[in-house]
Protein backbone atom coordinates (compact mmCIF):
# COMPACT_ATOMS: atom_id res chain seq x y z
CA GLN A 1 -0.23 -22.58 1.87
CA VAL A 2 3.30 -23.15 3.14
CA GLN A 3 6.28 -21.47 1.67
CA PHE A 4 9.97 -22.07 2.55
CA VAL A 5 12.61 -19.40 2.24
CA GLU A 6 16.24 -20.40 2.58
CA SER A 7 19.05 -17.99 3.54
CA GLY A 8 22.57 -17.93 4.88
CA GLY A 9 24.53 -19.17 1.89
CA ASP A 10 27.85 -17.52 1.04
CA LEU A 11 31.32 -17.98 -0.35
CA VAL A 12 33.56 -19.56 2.27
CA ARG A 13 37.02 -21.03 2.34
CA PRO A 14 37.62 -24.75 2.99
CA GLY A 15 37.46 -25.42 6.72
CA GLY A 16 35.01 -22.56 7.25
CA SER A 17 31.52 -22.60 8.69
CA LEU A 18 28.08 -21.38 7.71
CA LYS A 19 24.63 -21.59 9.28
CA LEU A 20 21.68 -21.86 6.90
CA SER A 21 18.15 -20.96 7.87
CA CYS A 22 14.85 -22.12 6.45
CA ALA A 23 11.87 -19.94 7.38
CA ALA A 24 8.39 -21.31 6.90
CA SER A 25 5.36 -19.18 6.26
CA GLY A 26 1.85 -20.52 6.58
CA ARG A 27 0.96 -23.32 8.85
CA ALA A 28 3.03 -24.57 11.73
CA LEU A 29 6.29 -26.36 11.04
CA GLY A 30 6.42 -28.65 14.00
CA ILE A 31 4.35 -31.68 13.06
CA GLU A 32 6.17 -32.82 9.95
CA ASP A 33 9.52 -34.33 9.16
CA MET A 34 11.80 -31.86 7.40
CA GLY A 35 14.97 -32.07 5.37
CA TRP A 36 17.87 -30.07 3.96
CA TYR A 37 18.68 -30.96 0.38
CA ARG A 38 21.40 -29.79 -1.99
CA GLN A 39 22.07 -29.81 -5.70
CA ALA A 40 25.59 -29.40 -7.06
CA PRO A 41 26.21 -28.39 -10.67
CA GLY A 42 25.55 -31.28 -13.01
CA LYS A 43 24.25 -33.53 -10.23
CA GLN A 44 20.86 -34.59 -8.93
CA ARG A 45 19.40 -33.02 -5.84
CA GLU A 46 20.14 -35.08 -2.77
CA LEU A 47 18.98 -35.22 0.78
CA VAL A 48 21.71 -34.01 3.16
CA ALA A 49 19.99 -34.23 6.57
CA ARG A 50 16.58 -34.68 8.00
CA ILE A 51 14.85 -34.13 11.31
CA ASP A 52 11.59 -35.62 12.48
CA SER A 53 8.90 -33.98 14.60
CA GLY A 54 10.57 -35.36 17.73
CA GLY A 55 13.96 -34.00 16.88
CA ILE A 56 15.54 -37.25 15.72
CA THR A 57 18.12 -36.55 13.05
CA ASN A 58 19.77 -38.38 10.18
CA TYR A 59 22.63 -37.39 7.91
CA ILE A 60 24.30 -38.64 4.79
CA ASN A 61 27.72 -40.15 5.49
CA SER A 62 29.67 -37.37 3.82
CA VAL A 63 28.44 -34.70 6.25
CA LYS A 64 28.23 -36.72 9.52
CA GLY A 65 30.18 -35.00 12.26
CA ARG A 66 30.33 -31.76 10.31
CA PHE A 67 26.67 -30.67 9.78
CA THR A 68 23.97 -30.32 12.40
CA ILE A 69 20.27 -29.94 11.61
CA SER A 70 17.93 -28.36 14.07
CA ARG A 71 14.51 -26.78 14.24
CA ASP A 72 12.70 -24.14 16.27
CA ASN A 73 9.03 -24.87 15.84
CA ALA A 74 7.94 -21.76 17.65
CA LYS A 75 9.86 -19.63 15.17
CA LYS A 76 8.86 -21.86 12.28
CA THR A 77 12.52 -22.10 11.32
CA MET A 78 14.90 -24.91 10.57
CA TYR A 79 18.69 -24.59 10.59
CA LEU A 80 21.72 -26.31 9.17
CA GLN A 81 25.00 -25.59 10.91
CA MET A 82 27.83 -26.55 8.58
CA ASN A 83 31.38 -26.81 9.92
CA ASN A 84 34.67 -27.83 8.32
CA LEU A 85 33.19 -27.13 4.89
CA LYS A 86 34.81 -28.82 1.88
CA PRO A 87 34.82 -27.87 -1.80
CA GLU A 88 32.52 -30.83 -2.49
CA ASP A 89 29.86 -29.20 -0.24
CA THR A 90 29.45 -26.51 -2.96
CA ALA A 91 25.82 -26.58 -4.04
CA VAL A 92 22.50 -24.82 -3.86
CA TYR A 93 20.85 -25.82 -0.58
CA TYR A 94 17.11 -26.22 -0.19
CA CYS A 95 14.72 -27.08 2.56
CA ASN A 96 11.52 -29.05 2.16
CA TYR A 97 9.44 -31.64 3.88
CA TRP A 98 10.78 -35.17 4.05
CA PRO A 99 9.87 -36.89 1.81
CA SER A 100 10.03 -33.80 -0.36
CA ARG A 101 6.97 -32.36 -2.07
CA ILE A 102 7.44 -30.76 -5.46
CA ILE A 103 5.27 -27.71 -4.89
CA TYR A 104 7.35 -26.59 -1.88
CA TRP A 105 10.78 -26.23 -3.51
CA GLY A 106 12.01 -22.65 -2.99
CA GLN A 107 14.84 -20.72 -4.58
CA GLY A 108 17.48 -22.22 -2.36
CA THR A 109 20.62 -20.55 -1.07
CA GLN A 110 24.04 -20.86 -2.74
CA VAL A 111 26.96 -22.30 -0.76
CA THR A 112 30.35 -22.04 -2.43
CA VAL A 113 33.46 -23.53 -0.77
CA SER A 114 36.60 -22.35 -2.49
CA SER A 115 39.99 -20.99 -1.69
């Protein structure tokens, strides 16, 4: 059984940076496509970035050039480096497979961008 645990969220000022981590327990992380998702208050959860087993990445337009998704399969960990954060990036961030699978949603990690 795989479990994902997100960490690294915090309160940060606009223009600041954070690095989120997603640690996977259970089977190996390396053979499946993965994604970072977020859910802002009052909004639906959305895919922010994804990375396939070969390291190919995709981002939504609003984070292109600011966020970088990466993975370390040996450590069973995925990362999201977030730079130049904006108030509209405020949300709970989750990791999951891509496409997402309901049973693997974790608690997420809160990112708040505010001055």
